[in-house]
Amino acid sequence: NTGGRIPFFLTTLENFETKQRFDLVLMSESVQYLPVEEGLRKTYQLLDKKGYLLASDYFRKDNAKDLPRLCAFPLLSFYLASAQKLGFKIIKRVDITKNILPTLDYGNEIFYNYVKPILRCILTTLRVYIRPLYWCLLLLMKFRMKGKTIREIIKDIIVPLTRETFEKYLSYQIILMQKSGK
């Protein structure tokens, strides 16, 4: 409880409106949920003349430009170029990919040792005891949305990336930028 000293705003960044300007905007694993240029432009508007943006998130490397499974993550080179074009100065950039890999490994362990077996158990139960629902589910998985089957979409969302894929195509960056005050 802040006793009313720190205001909270229930809104999206795109819809956030205030006359107040900020010394720092922290974007912790939220960059990937905003259109790059729109997010940077809005953040720039919210900062004081020499305010800072501290972004910490997953970014695609240039070799992952055309990988559909990773398209939700912004392309690092585009993000940095867009920030500089808008008037941000890159103060410091730290790649902490190696530091987050143990968490990724743990997530994979949880998925393959617990989540996947539970899902298999549920499907087997449906197939044995509630066959009509099981067959309806199988049919549903074949429907296409945006060129992919629902099964493919679910697989892309649920199945975690391997360490090798992550290291090859993604990096986890902490980027400190300062508004140039132009």
Protein backbone atom coordinates (compact mmCIF):
# COMPACT_ATOMS: atom_id res chain seq x y z
CA ASN A 1 0.00 0.00 0.00
CA THR A 2 1.44 3.34 -1.03
CA GLY A 3 -1.00 5.43 0.95
CA GLY A 4 -2.03 7.17 -2.27
CA ARG A 5 1.48 8.55 -2.83
CA ILE A 6 2.04 6.52 -5.99
CA PRO A 7 -0.76 6.63 -8.54
CA PHE A 8 -1.68 3.55 -10.57
CA PHE A 9 -3.30 3.78 -13.99
CA LEU A 10 -5.29 0.89 -15.40
CA THR A 11 -4.72 1.40 -19.13
CA THR A 12 -2.53 0.39 -22.04
CA LEU A 13 0.53 2.42 -22.94
CA GLU A 14 -1.09 3.41 -26.23
CA ASN A 15 -4.12 4.86 -24.41
CA PHE A 16 -2.29 6.37 -21.44
CA GLU A 17 -2.78 10.13 -21.26
CA THR A 18 -1.23 12.50 -18.74
CA LYS A 19 0.37 15.93 -18.65
CA GLN A 20 2.99 14.58 -16.25
CA ARG A 21 6.42 13.72 -17.68
CA PHE A 22 8.63 11.01 -16.23
CA ASP A 23 12.33 10.60 -15.48
CA LEU A 24 12.22 6.89 -16.33
CA VAL A 25 9.95 4.47 -18.14
CA LEU A 26 10.64 0.80 -17.38
CA MET A 27 9.52 -1.76 -19.94
CA SER A 28 10.14 -5.19 -18.48
CA GLU A 29 9.14 -7.90 -20.96
CA SER A 30 6.53 -5.64 -22.48
CA VAL A 31 8.33 -4.41 -25.62
CA GLN A 32 7.18 -7.54 -27.48
CA TYR A 33 3.52 -6.64 -26.97
CA LEU A 34 3.66 -3.23 -28.66
CA PRO A 35 4.25 -2.15 -32.23
CA VAL A 36 7.89 -0.99 -32.06
CA GLU A 37 7.59 2.52 -33.47
CA GLU A 38 4.28 3.28 -31.74
CA GLY A 39 5.61 2.09 -28.38
CA LEU A 40 8.82 4.08 -28.69
CA ARG A 41 6.99 7.22 -29.86
CA LYS A 42 4.54 7.08 -26.94
CA THR A 43 7.35 6.46 -24.45
CA TYR A 44 9.32 9.38 -25.91
CA GLN A 45 6.30 11.64 -25.36
CA LEU A 46 5.96 10.54 -21.73
CA LEU A 47 9.59 11.26 -20.81
CA ASP A 48 11.13 14.43 -19.42
CA LYS A 49 13.53 16.33 -21.67
CA LYS A 50 16.45 14.05 -20.64
CA GLY A 51 14.38 11.09 -19.44
CA TYR A 52 15.39 7.44 -19.71
CA LEU A 53 13.82 4.33 -21.18
CA LEU A 54 14.99 1.06 -19.66
CA ALA A 55 13.84 -1.88 -21.80
CA SER A 56 14.40 -5.48 -20.78
CA ASP A 57 13.05 -8.09 -23.18
CA TYR A 58 13.53 -10.84 -25.73
CA PHE A 59 14.60 -9.66 -29.18
CA ARG A 60 15.01 -11.50 -32.48
CA LYS A 61 18.42 -11.56 -34.08
CA ASP A 62 18.70 -10.64 -37.77
CA ASN A 63 18.96 -14.33 -38.75
CA ALA A 64 15.42 -14.83 -37.39
CA LYS A 65 13.72 -12.21 -39.59
CA ASP A 66 11.50 -14.71 -41.36
CA LEU A 67 10.82 -17.29 -38.66
CA PRO A 68 7.06 -17.17 -38.07
CA ARG A 69 7.19 -18.73 -34.61
CA LEU A 70 9.37 -15.90 -33.35
CA CYS A 71 7.57 -13.01 -35.06
CA ALA A 72 6.10 -11.74 -31.76
CA PHE A 73 9.55 -10.71 -30.61
CA PRO A 74 10.82 -7.43 -32.07
CA LEU A 75 13.84 -7.49 -34.34
CA LEU A 76 16.71 -6.03 -32.27
CA SER A 77 18.31 -4.11 -35.14
CA PHE A 78 14.94 -2.55 -36.07
CA TYR A 79 14.17 -1.67 -32.45
CA LEU A 80 17.54 0.07 -31.95
CA ALA A 81 17.38 1.87 -35.31
CA SER A 82 13.82 3.03 -34.60
CA ALA A 83 14.80 4.30 -31.15
CA GLN A 84 17.75 6.27 -32.53
CA LYS A 85 15.68 7.63 -35.42
CA LEU A 86 13.12 8.91 -32.92
CA GLY A 87 15.81 10.65 -30.87
CA PHE A 88 16.88 8.15 -28.22
CA LYS A 89 20.56 7.78 -27.46
CA ILE A 90 21.62 4.23 -26.58
CA ILE A 91 23.48 4.61 -23.26
CA LYS A 92 24.11 0.97 -22.45
CA ARG A 93 23.16 -2.43 -23.84
CA VAL A 94 23.73 -5.71 -22.04
CA ASP A 95 23.00 -9.13 -23.50
CA ILE A 96 21.98 -11.38 -20.60
CA THR A 97 20.95 -14.37 -22.73
CA LYS A 98 23.37 -16.71 -20.95
CA ASN A 99 21.90 -15.67 -17.60
CA ILE A 100 18.32 -16.53 -18.52
CA LEU A 101 19.02 -19.90 -20.16
CA PRO A 102 18.73 -21.86 -16.87
CA THR A 103 15.18 -20.51 -16.51
CA LEU A 104 14.43 -21.60 -20.07
CA ASP A 105 15.82 -25.07 -19.29
CA TYR A 106 13.63 -25.24 -16.18
CA GLY A 107 10.56 -24.26 -18.21
CA ASN A 108 11.32 -27.02 -20.70
CA GLU A 109 11.71 -29.53 -17.87
CA ILE A 110 8.33 -28.54 -16.40
CA PHE A 111 6.67 -28.74 -19.82
CA TYR A 112 8.04 -32.13 -20.85
CA ASN A 113 7.86 -33.78 -17.43
CA TYR A 114 4.51 -32.43 -16.23
CA VAL A 115 2.43 -30.38 -18.69
CA LYS A 116 2.75 -32.65 -21.73
CA PRO A 117 1.98 -35.87 -19.78
CA ILE A 118 -1.06 -34.22 -18.17
CA LEU A 119 -2.35 -33.11 -21.58
CA ARG A 120 -1.84 -36.65 -22.91
CA CYS A 121 -3.72 -38.04 -19.93
CA ILE A 122 -6.63 -35.66 -20.55
CA LEU A 123 -6.79 -36.62 -24.24
CA THR A 124 -6.65 -40.32 -23.41
CA THR A 125 -9.45 -39.88 -20.87
CA LEU A 126 -11.57 -38.06 -23.44
CA ARG A 127 -10.85 -40.70 -26.09
CA VAL A 128 -11.84 -43.55 -23.74
CA TYR A 129 -14.75 -42.05 -21.80
CA ILE A 130 -16.12 -39.15 -23.85
CA ARG A 131 -15.47 -40.16 -27.47
CA PRO A 132 -17.81 -37.63 -29.12
CA LEU A 133 -16.03 -34.75 -27.38
CA TYR A 134 -12.65 -36.25 -28.29
CA TRP A 135 -13.61 -36.46 -32.00
CA CYS A 136 -15.00 -32.91 -31.95
CA LEU A 137 -11.72 -31.72 -30.47
CA LEU A 138 -9.75 -33.52 -33.21
CA LEU A 139 -11.92 -31.89 -35.87
CA LEU A 140 -11.47 -28.49 -34.25
CA MET A 141 -7.69 -28.93 -34.37
CA LYS A 142 -7.86 -29.20 -38.18
CA PHE A 143 -9.54 -25.81 -38.71
CA ARG A 144 -7.27 -23.17 -40.21
CA MET A 145 -6.72 -19.64 -38.99
CA LYS A 146 -4.38 -17.33 -40.87
CA GLY A 147 -3.01 -20.28 -42.86
CA LYS A 148 -2.27 -22.53 -39.88
CA THR A 149 -4.26 -25.28 -38.25
CA ILE A 150 -5.40 -24.66 -34.69
CA ARG A 151 -3.16 -27.58 -33.71
CA GLU A 152 -0.11 -25.79 -35.21
CA ILE A 153 -1.03 -22.54 -33.49
CA ILE A 154 -1.37 -24.25 -30.12
CA LYS A 155 1.93 -26.07 -30.63
CA ASP A 156 3.68 -22.79 -31.48
CA ILE A 157 2.29 -21.14 -28.36
CA ILE A 158 2.62 -23.96 -25.83
CA VAL A 159 5.78 -25.86 -26.76
CA PRO A 160 8.76 -24.00 -25.27
CA LEU A 161 11.82 -23.08 -27.29
CA THR A 162 14.91 -25.19 -26.84
CA ARG A 163 18.09 -23.65 -25.50
CA GLU A 164 19.72 -24.12 -28.91
CA THR A 165 16.92 -22.36 -30.78
CA PHE A 166 16.84 -19.52 -28.29
CA GLU A 167 20.61 -18.94 -28.46
CA LYS A 168 20.62 -19.10 -32.26
CA TYR A 169 17.69 -16.77 -32.97
CA LEU A 170 16.98 -14.68 -29.88
CA SER A 171 18.78 -12.60 -27.32
CA TYR A 172 17.62 -11.18 -24.03
CA GLN A 173 18.70 -7.57 -23.86
CA ILE A 174 18.69 -4.87 -21.22
CA ILE A 175 18.83 -1.54 -23.04
CA LEU A 176 19.17 1.85 -21.38
CA MET A 177 18.31 4.79 -23.62
CA GLN A 178 18.09 8.49 -22.99
CA LYS A 179 15.84 10.97 -24.69
CA SER A 180 17.99 13.41 -26.64
CA GLY A 181 15.84 16.38 -25.68
CA LYS A 182 15.35 17.56 -29.24
